[in-house]
C-alpha atoms as a PDB file:
ATOM      1  CA  MET A   1      82.294  87.247 119.526  1.00  0.00           C
ATOM      2  CA  TYR A   2      80.350  84.051 118.734  1.00  0.00           C
ATOM      3  CA  ILE A   3      77.347  83.267 120.961  1.00  0.00           C
ATOM      4  CA  CYS A   4      76.010  79.768 121.661  1.00  0.00           C
ATOM      5  CA  SER A   5      72.528  79.361 120.166  1.00  0.00           C
ATOM      6  CA  MET A   6      71.143  77.589 123.258  1.00  0.00           C
ATOM      7  CA  LYS A   7      71.872  80.658 125.402  1.00  0.00           C
ATOM      8  CA  ILE A   8      70.202  83.244 123.210  1.00  0.00           C
ATOM      9  CA  ILE A   9      67.470  81.335 121.341  1.00  0.00           C
ATOM     10  CA  THR A  10      64.605  79.289 122.704  1.00  0.00           C
ATOM     11  CA  VAL A  11      61.963  77.556 120.570  1.00  0.00           C
ATOM     12  CA  GLU A  12      59.041  75.613 122.014  1.00  0.00           C
ATOM     13  CA  ASP A  13      56.683  73.331 120.080  1.00  0.00           C
ATOM     14  CA  LYS A  14      53.455  74.235 121.897  1.00  0.00           C
ATOM     15  CA  LYS A  15      53.896  77.905 122.610  1.00  0.00           C
ATOM     16  CA  GLY A  16      51.214  79.137 120.168  1.00  0.00           C
ATOM     17  CA  ILE A  17      53.669  81.512 118.479  1.00  0.00           C
ATOM     18  CA  PRO A  18      55.196  80.771 115.043  1.00  0.00           C
ATOM     19  CA  LYS A  19      58.684  79.398 115.465  1.00  0.00           C
ATOM     20  CA  TYR A  20      60.319  82.087 113.330  1.00  0.00           C
ATOM     21  CA  LYS A  21      58.731  84.683 115.642  1.00  0.00           C
ATOM     22  CA  GLN A  22      60.127  82.852 118.651  1.00  0.00           C
ATOM     23  CA  ILE A  23      63.611  83.170 117.156  1.00  0.00           C
ATOM     24  CA  VAL A  24      63.060  86.903 116.583  1.00  0.00           C
ATOM     25  CA  GLN A  25      61.774  87.415 120.119  1.00  0.00           C
ATOM     26  CA  SER A  26      64.618  85.363 121.607  1.00  0.00           C
ATOM     27  CA  ILE A  27      67.258  87.467 119.889  1.00  0.00           C
ATOM     28  CA  GLU A  28      65.475  90.679 120.908  1.00  0.00           C
ATOM     29  CA  ASN A  29      65.307  89.465 124.522  1.00  0.00           C
ATOM     30  CA  SER A  30      68.984  88.503 124.478  1.00  0.00           C
ATOM     31  CA  ILE A  31      69.866  92.004 123.233  1.00  0.00           C
ATOM     32  CA  GLU A  32      67.779  93.622 125.965  1.00  0.00           C
ATOM     33  CA  LYS A  33      69.417  91.411 128.624  1.00  0.00           C
ATOM     34  CA  GLY A  34      72.888  92.297 127.363  1.00  0.00           C
ATOM     35  CA  LEU A  35      73.686  88.773 126.175  1.00  0.00           C
ATOM     36  CA  LEU A  36      74.077  90.099 122.632  1.00  0.00           C
ATOM     37  CA  LYS A  37      76.016  93.238 121.816  1.00  0.00           C
ATOM     38  CA  LYS A  38      76.739  95.219 118.655  1.00  0.00           C
ATOM     39  CA  ASP A  39      78.786  93.213 116.111  1.00  0.00           C
ATOM     40  CA  ASP A  40      78.333  89.921 117.967  1.00  0.00           C
ATOM     41  CA  LYS A  41      78.075  87.026 115.541  1.00  0.00           C
ATOM     42  CA  LEU A  42      74.886  84.988 115.652  1.00  0.00           C
ATOM     43  CA  PRO A  43      74.844  81.197 115.437  1.00  0.00           C
ATOM     44  CA  SER A  44      74.746  79.861 111.891  1.00  0.00           C
ATOM     45  CA  ILE A  45      71.470  78.912 110.255  1.00  0.00           C
ATOM     46  CA  ASN A  46      72.578  75.269 110.202  1.00  0.00           C
ATOM     47  CA  LYS A  47      73.395  75.385 113.920  1.00  0.00           C
ATOM     48  CA  ILE A  48      69.959  76.786 114.814  1.00  0.00           C
ATOM     49  CA  CYS A  49      68.213  74.289 112.530  1.00  0.00           C
ATOM     50  CA  SER A  50      69.970  71.311 114.094  1.00  0.00           C
ATOM     51  CA  SER A  51      69.543  72.598 117.670  1.00  0.00           C
ATOM     52  CA  PHE A  52      65.756  72.928 117.361  1.00  0.00           C
ATOM     53  CA  SER A  53      64.896  70.604 114.441  1.00  0.00           C
ATOM     54  CA  LEU A  54      63.775  73.546 112.308  1.00  0.00           C
ATOM     55  CA  SER A  55      63.629  74.021 108.563  1.00  0.00           C
ATOM     56  CA  ARG A  56      66.030  76.485 106.957  1.00  0.00           C
ATOM     57  CA  ASP A  57      63.046  78.516 105.736  1.00  0.00           C
ATOM     58  CA  THR A  58      61.946  79.110 109.330  1.00  0.00           C
ATOM     59  CA  VAL A  59      65.347  80.490 110.336  1.00  0.00           C
ATOM     60  CA  PHE A  60      65.621  82.471 107.087  1.00  0.00           C
ATOM     61  CA  SER A  61      62.266  84.133 107.835  1.00  0.00           C
ATOM     62  CA  ALA A  62      63.413  85.120 111.322  1.00  0.00           C
ATOM     63  CA  PHE A  63      66.732  86.528 110.132  1.00  0.00           C
ATOM     64  CA  ASN A  64      65.090  88.368 107.254  1.00  0.00           C
ATOM     65  CA  GLU A  65      62.698  90.155 109.618  1.00  0.00           C
ATOM     66  CA  LEU A  66      65.600  91.152 111.868  1.00  0.00           C
ATOM     67  CA  ARG A  67      67.580  92.384 108.849  1.00  0.00           C
ATOM     68  CA  VAL A  68      64.866  94.598 107.388  1.00  0.00           C
ATOM     69  CA  ARG A  69      64.317  96.140 110.818  1.00  0.00           C
ATOM     70  CA  GLY A  70      68.000  96.989 111.026  1.00  0.00           C
ATOM     71  CA  ILE A  71      68.741  94.744 114.003  1.00  0.00           C
ATOM     72  CA  ILE A  72      71.154  92.368 112.247  1.00  0.00           C
ATOM     73  CA  TYR A  73      73.274  92.507 109.106  1.00  0.00           C
ATOM     74  CA  SER A  74      74.740  89.798 106.902  1.00  0.00           C
ATOM     75  CA  ILE A  75      78.219  89.336 105.470  1.00  0.00           C
ATOM     76  CA  PRO A  76      78.115  86.850 102.573  1.00  0.00           C
ATOM     77  CA  GLY A  77      80.137  83.752 103.354  1.00  0.00           C
ATOM     78  CA  LYS A  78      80.716  84.790 106.970  1.00  0.00           C
ATOM     79  CA  GLY A  79      77.384  84.976 108.763  1.00  0.00           C
ATOM     80  CA  ASN A  80      74.950  87.265 110.541  1.00  0.00           C
ATOM     81  CA  TYR A  81      75.882  89.911 113.097  1.00  0.00           C
ATOM     82  CA  ILE A  82      74.147  92.302 115.481  1.00  0.00           C
ATOM     83  CA  LYS A  83      73.855  95.694 113.814  1.00  0.00           C
ATOM     84  CA  SER A  84      71.810  97.617 116.392  1.00  0.00           C
ATOM     85  CA  VAL A  85      70.860  96.952 119.981  1.00  0.00           C
ATOM     86  CA  ASP A  86      67.763  99.132 119.611  1.00  0.00           C
ATOM     87  CA  THR A  87      64.906  96.699 118.968  1.00  0.00           C
ATOM     88  CA  ASN A  88      62.121  99.291 118.747  1.00  0.00           C
ATOM     89  CA  PHE A  89      62.336  99.844 114.979  1.00  0.00           C
ATOM     90  CA  ALA A  90      59.606  98.301 112.811  1.00  0.00           C
ATOM     91  CA  GLN A  91      61.483  99.016 109.582  1.00  0.00           C
ATOM     92  CA  SER A  92      64.813 100.331 108.385  1.00  0.00           C
ATOM     93  CA  ILE A  93      65.598 102.402 105.296  1.00  0.00           C
ATOM     94  CA  PHE A  94      68.782 102.529 103.222  1.00  0.00           C
ATOM     95  CA  LEU A  95      69.158 106.107 101.967  1.00  0.00           C
ATOM     96  CA  LEU A  96      71.882 106.702  99.372  1.00  0.00           C
ATOM     97  CA  PHE A  97      72.632 110.315  98.375  1.00  0.00           C
ATOM     98  CA  ASP A  98      75.281 111.524  95.946  1.00  0.00           C
ATOM     99  CA  GLU A  99      76.765 114.184  98.271  1.00  0.00           C
ATOM    100  CA  LEU A 100      75.921 116.233 101.328  1.00  0.00           C
ATOM    101  CA  ASN A 101      74.721 119.778 100.666  1.00  0.00           C
ATOM    102  CA  SER A 102      71.885 122.034 101.774  1.00  0.00           C
ATOM    103  CA  PHE A 103      69.475 120.519  99.238  1.00  0.00           C
ATOM    104  CA  LYS A 104      70.172 117.000 100.534  1.00  0.00           C
ATOM    105  CA  GLU A 105      69.751 118.195 104.127  1.00  0.00           C
ATOM    106  CA  ASP A 106      66.291 119.500 103.231  1.00  0.00           C
ATOM    107  CA  LEU A 107      65.376 116.175 101.606  1.00  0.00           C
ATOM    108  CA  TYR A 108      66.684 114.171 104.543  1.00  0.00           C
ATOM    109  CA  ASN A 109      64.859 116.270 107.147  1.00  0.00           C
ATOM    110  CA  SER A 110      61.637 116.142 105.142  1.00  0.00           C
ATOM    111  CA  LEU A 111      61.904 112.365 104.970  1.00  0.00           C
ATOM    112  CA  LEU A 112      62.431 112.037 108.732  1.00  0.00           C
ATOM    113  CA  ILE A 113      59.464 114.294 109.493  1.00  0.00           C
ATOM    114  CA  ASN A 114      57.118 112.228 107.347  1.00  0.00           C
ATOM    115  CA  LEU A 115      58.211 108.738 108.364  1.00  0.00           C
ATOM    116  CA  GLU A 116      56.695 106.755 111.210  1.00  0.00           C
ATOM    117  CA  GLN A 117      58.455 107.196 114.540  1.00  0.00           C
ATOM    118  CA  ASN A 118      59.697 103.604 114.716  1.00  0.00           C
ATOM    119  CA  THR A 119      61.586 103.794 111.411  1.00  0.00           C
ATOM    120  CA  LYS A 120      65.369 103.794 111.254  1.00  0.00           C
ATOM    121  CA  VAL A 121      67.169 105.585 108.412  1.00  0.00           C
ATOM    122  CA  ASP A 122      70.812 104.846 107.549  1.00  0.00           C
ATOM    123  CA  ILE A 123      72.242 107.499 105.219  1.00  0.00           C
ATOM    124  CA  TYR A 124      75.197 106.959 102.876  1.00  0.00           C
ATOM    125  CA  PHE A 125      76.959 109.007 100.174  1.00  0.00           C
ATOM    126  CA  HIS A 126      78.564 107.722  96.953  1.00  0.00           C
ATOM    127  CA  HIS A 127      80.224 111.050  95.972  1.00  0.00           C
ATOM    128  CA  PHE A 128      79.719 110.278  92.249  1.00  0.00           C
ATOM    129  CA  ASN A 129      82.047 107.278  92.488  1.00  0.00           C
ATOM    130  CA  ASN A 130      80.813 104.162  90.649  1.00  0.00           C
ATOM    131  CA  GLU A 131      82.805 101.742  92.777  1.00  0.00           C
ATOM    132  CA  VAL A 132      81.560 103.259  96.030  1.00  0.00           C
ATOM    133  CA  PHE A 133      77.991 103.224  94.669  1.00  0.00           C
ATOM    134  CA  GLU A 134      78.222  99.557  93.735  1.00  0.00           C
ATOM    135  CA  ASN A 135      79.838  98.473  97.015  1.00  0.00           C
ATOM    136  CA  LEU A 136      77.307 100.318  99.180  1.00  0.00           C
ATOM    137  CA  ILE A 137      74.378  98.724  97.387  1.00  0.00           C
ATOM    138  CA  ALA A 138      75.920  95.252  97.362  1.00  0.00           C
ATOM    139  CA  ASN A 139      76.661  95.416 101.091  1.00  0.00           C
ATOM    140  CA  SER A 140      73.160  96.660 101.906  1.00  0.00           C
ATOM    141  CA  ASN A 141      71.294  94.004  99.918  1.00  0.00           C
ATOM    142  CA  GLY A 142      68.813  92.156 102.126  1.00  0.00           C
ATOM    143  CA  ASN A 143      69.485  94.290 105.183  1.00  0.00           C
ATOM    144  CA  TYR A 144      66.722  96.906 104.791  1.00  0.00           C
ATOM    145  CA  SER A 145      62.972  97.125 104.330  1.00  0.00           C
ATOM    146  CA  SER A 146      63.291  99.908 101.708  1.00  0.00           C
ATOM    147  CA  TYR A 147      66.010 101.411  99.528  1.00  0.00           C
ATOM    148  CA  ILE A 148      65.903 105.077  98.484  1.00  0.00           C
ATOM    149  CA  ILE A 149      68.624 105.737  95.935  1.00  0.00           C
ATOM    150  CA  MET A 150      69.930 108.861  94.237  1.00  0.00           C
ATOM    151  CA  PRO A 151      71.893 107.484  91.240  1.00  0.00           C
ATOM    152  CA  ALA A 152      72.953 110.868  89.782  1.00  0.00           C
ATOM    153  CA  ASN A 153      74.716 110.454  86.415  1.00  0.00           C
ATOM    154  CA  LEU A 154      76.616 107.292  87.278  1.00  0.00           C
ATOM    155  CA  ASN A 155      77.096 104.578  84.669  1.00  0.00           C
ATOM    156  CA  ASN A 156      75.515 101.115  84.711  1.00  0.00           C
ATOM    157  CA  THR A 157      73.220 101.939  87.621  1.00  0.00           C
ATOM    158  CA  LYS A 158      70.449  99.593  86.464  1.00  0.00           C
ATOM    159  CA  ALA A 159      72.601  96.456  86.710  1.00  0.00           C
ATOM    160  CA  ILE A 160      73.718  97.476  90.186  1.00  0.00           C
ATOM    161  CA  ILE A 161      70.271  98.444  91.496  1.00  0.00           C
ATOM    162  CA  ASP A 162      68.691  95.325  89.972  1.00  0.00           C
ATOM    163  CA  GLN A 163      70.461  93.302  92.672  1.00  0.00           C
ATOM    164  CA  LEU A 164      67.974  94.674  95.194  1.00  0.00           C
ATOM    165  CA  PRO A 165      64.355  93.531  95.696  1.00  0.00           C
ATOM    166  CA  SER A 166      62.543  95.489  92.975  1.00  0.00           C
ATOM    167  CA  ASP A 167      59.448  96.168  95.104  1.00  0.00           C
ATOM    168  CA  LYS A 168      61.546  97.877  97.784  1.00  0.00           C
ATOM    169  CA  VAL A 169      63.504 100.348  95.623  1.00  0.00           C
ATOM    170  CA  TYR A 170      62.671 104.034  95.092  1.00  0.00           C
ATOM    171  CA  ILE A 171      64.673 106.368  92.851  1.00  0.00           C
ATOM    172  CA  LEU A 172      65.220 109.959  93.914  1.00  0.00           C
ATOM    173  CA  ASP A 173      66.172 113.213  92.173  1.00  0.00           C
ATOM    174  CA  GLN A 174      67.279 111.912  88.743  1.00  0.00           C
ATOM    175  CA  ILE A 175      65.855 109.231  86.480  1.00  0.00           C
ATOM    176  CA  ASN A 176      66.777 107.718  83.126  1.00  0.00           C
ATOM    177  CA  SER A 177      65.049 105.318  80.750  1.00  0.00           C
ATOM    178  CA  GLU A 178      66.861 102.307  82.238  1.00  0.00           C
ATOM    179  CA  LEU A 179      65.285 102.933  85.635  1.00  0.00           C
ATOM    180  CA  ASP A 180      61.728 103.574  84.423  1.00  0.00           C
ATOM    181  CA  ALA A 181      60.461 100.393  86.096  1.00  0.00           C
ATOM    182  CA  TYR A 182      61.112 101.786  89.578  1.00  0.00           C
ATOM    183  CA  PRO A 183      58.900 104.262  91.446  1.00  0.00           C
ATOM    184  CA  ALA A 184      60.648 107.621  91.379  1.00  0.00           C
ATOM    185  CA  ILE A 185      60.453 111.228  92.512  1.00  0.00           C
ATOM    186  CA  TYR A 186      62.554 113.466  90.313  1.00  0.00           C
ATOM    187  CA  GLN A 187      62.890 116.894  88.795  1.00  0.00           C
ATOM    188  CA  ASN A 188      62.251 117.914  85.195  1.00  0.00           C
ATOM    189  CA  PHE A 189      65.586 119.692  84.929  1.00  0.00           C
ATOM    190  CA  ARG A 190      65.078 120.801  81.346  1.00  0.00           C
ATOM    191  CA  SER A 191      61.812 122.657  81.911  1.00  0.00           C
ATOM    192  CA  ASP A 192      62.804 123.874  85.385  1.00  0.00           C
ATOM    193  CA  ILE A 193      65.904 125.778  84.258  1.00  0.00           C
ATOM    194  CA  TYR A 194      64.111 127.036  81.141  1.00  0.00           C
ATOM    195  CA  ASN A 195      61.223 128.427  83.205  1.00  0.00           C
ATOM    196  CA  ALA A 196      63.587 129.908  85.789  1.00  0.00           C
ATOM    197  CA  LEU A 197      65.548 131.752  83.100  1.00  0.00           C
ATOM    198  CA  LYS A 198      62.342 132.848  81.412  1.00  0.00           C
ATOM    199  CA  THR A 199      61.121 134.321  84.699  1.00  0.00           C
ATOM    200  CA  GLY A 200      64.345 136.343  84.944  1.00  0.00           C
ATOM    201  CA  ASP A 201      64.433 137.296  81.278  1.00  0.00           C
ATOM    202  CA  TYR A 202      63.913 140.998  82.014  1.00  0.00           C
ATOM    203  CA  LEU A 203      67.067 140.959  84.153  1.00  0.00           C
ATOM    204  CA  LEU A 204      69.153 138.913  81.723  1.00  0.00           C
ATOM    205  CA  LYS A 205      68.505 141.242  78.795  1.00  0.00           C
ATOM    206  CA  LYS A 206      71.080 143.740  80.050  1.00  0.00           C
ATOM    207  CA  TYR A 207      73.847 141.147  79.509  1.00  0.00           C
ATOM    208  CA  SER A 208      75.425 140.290  76.173  1.00  0.00           C
ATOM    209  CA  LYS A 209      76.344 136.667  76.924  1.00  0.00           C
ATOM    210  CA  LEU A 210      75.028 133.859  79.133  1.00  0.00           C
ATOM    211  CA  ILE A 211      77.500 131.264  80.403  1.00  0.00           C
ATOM    212  CA  LEU A 212      76.366 128.015  82.017  1.00  0.00           C
ATOM    213  CA  VAL A 213      78.846 126.349  84.385  1.00  0.00           C
ATOM    214  CA  ILE A 214      77.873 122.676  84.521  1.00  0.00           C
ATOM    215  CA  SER A 215      79.573 119.386  85.351  1.00  0.00           C
ATOM    216  CA  ASN A 216      78.405 116.353  83.401  1.00  0.00           C
ATOM    217  CA  ILE A 217      79.251 114.257  86.454  1.00  0.00           C
ATOM    218  CA  LYS A 218      77.257 116.136  89.081  1.00  0.00           C
ATOM    219  CA  GLN A 219      74.473 117.905  87.201  1.00  0.00           C
ATOM    220  CA  HIS A 220      71.707 116.432  85.108  1.00  0.00           C
ATOM    221  CA  MET A 221      72.148 117.152  81.380  1.00  0.00           C
ATOM    222  CA  GLY A 222      68.529 118.313  81.262  1.00  0.00           C
ATOM    223  CA  MET A 223      69.869 121.583  82.681  1.00  0.00           C
ATOM    224  CA  LEU A 224      72.090 121.983  79.615  1.00  0.00           C
ATOM    225  CA  TYR A 225      69.234 121.291  77.206  1.00  0.00           C
ATOM    226  CA  GLY A 226      66.884 123.699  79.003  1.00  0.00           C
ATOM    227  CA  PHE A 227      69.579 126.392  78.973  1.00  0.00           C
ATOM    228  CA  GLU A 228      70.135 125.910  75.242  1.00  0.00           C
ATOM    229  CA  ASP A 229      66.372 125.977  74.606  1.00  0.00           C
ATOM    230  CA  PHE A 230      66.105 129.324  76.375  1.00  0.00           C
ATOM    231  CA  CYS A 231      69.115 130.858  74.619  1.00  0.00           C
ATOM    232  CA  ALA A 232      67.835 129.757  71.209  1.00  0.00           C
ATOM    233  CA  GLU A 233      64.311 131.075  71.769  1.00  0.00           C
ATOM    234  CA  TYR A 234      65.435 134.441  73.178  1.00  0.00           C
ATOM    235  CA  SER A 235      68.466 134.841  70.877  1.00  0.00           C
ATOM    236  CA  PHE A 236      71.130 134.966  73.601  1.00  0.00           C
ATOM    237  CA  ASP A 237      74.794 134.521  72.786  1.00  0.00           C
ATOM    238  CA  HIS A 238      75.845 131.714  75.123  1.00  0.00           C
ATOM    239  CA  GLU A 239      78.565 129.313  76.162  1.00  0.00           C
ATOM    240  CA  VAL A 240      78.848 126.181  78.291  1.00  0.00           C
ATOM    241  CA  ILE A 241      81.895 125.518  80.478  1.00  0.00           C
ATOM    242  CA  GLU A 242      82.698 122.919  83.131  1.00  0.00           C
ATOM    243  CA  TYR A 243      84.879 124.940  85.500  1.00  0.00           C
ATOM    244  CA  PHE A 244      84.937 128.566  86.562  1.00  0.00           C
ATOM    245  CA  ASN A 245      88.305 128.721  88.357  1.00  0.00           C
ATOM    246  CA  THR A 246      90.368 129.418  85.217  1.00  0.00           C
ATOM    247  CA  ARG A 247      87.914 131.937  83.841  1.00  0.00           C
ATOM    248  CA  GLU A 248      88.182 135.720  84.012  1.00  0.00           C
ATOM    249  CA  ALA A 249      84.769 137.356  84.246  1.00  0.00           C
ATOM    250  CA  LYS A 250      84.186 140.093  81.697  1.00  0.00           C
ATOM    251  CA  LYS A 251      81.738 142.939  81.562  1.00  0.00           C
ATOM    252  CA  GLY A 252      78.464 141.945  79.899  1.00  0.00           C
ATOM    253  CA  GLU A 253      78.699 138.274  80.877  1.00  0.00           C
ATOM    254  CA  VAL A 254      76.367 136.522  83.286  1.00  0.00           C
ATOM    255  CA  TYR A 255      77.265 133.173  84.802  1.00  0.00           C
ATOM    256  CA  ILE A 256      74.610 130.624  85.669  1.00  0.00           C
ATOM    257  CA  ILE A 257      75.990 128.210  88.258  1.00  0.00           C
ATOM    258  CA  PRO A 258      73.682 125.397  89.481  1.00  0.00           C
ATOM    259  CA  GLU A 259      75.726 124.720  92.629  1.00  0.00           C
ATOM    260  CA  ASP A 260      74.626 125.115  96.236  1.00  0.00           C
ATOM    261  CA  ARG A 261      77.939 126.783  97.053  1.00  0.00           C
END
């Protein structure tokens, strides 16, 4: 539904409040009064400019603040729409995980606990699909105050992530040399699996062969390198496979499976 700008926006010359703030407050008030509902289309920037003799920068500033707080969203070539009727959020975060599992639940809950109360978090999953990854990021561009992204082992992630404001992007869980410019929190998979196996060395010695089950799509290859480092140093016969379902376990083998399931 399209809403007339004169009904939902008021701007006064001598109000003592910046005009972009008046636009923000007007839209918030219209939401609270029920004049604007979820997915309602806002008047165009040109319409608001001509109605109140404003510069485009003024309207852009107002819409940008509403976007990063998660109140409105933009569709390129179509316009701006109401995303949320909750106006109490000071910032909104785009959170992109690879898949949902117990590890991601722990990360998500930890994030919520440590964020300010008036922060909104929208969570998405790309499921290791490049096209889904690219579309989610493209559609989110400009609509959030921060972007927390788990790129996994996907290809060409730098070109896709570079679309976003660089000072608002944070990389999570896995990193590569292309993404070094972004702040990141990630694991050292190579040393972690090596140290874990080393800790359990006294248990592994009773087996004749170590077999790592690893997917080059889902798991970081640092796990493979750390596994090979351990096997070489401690002289273990070893093998690397991608799937377990066609395998018949034999006596003397131990399978190392870095999967939550």
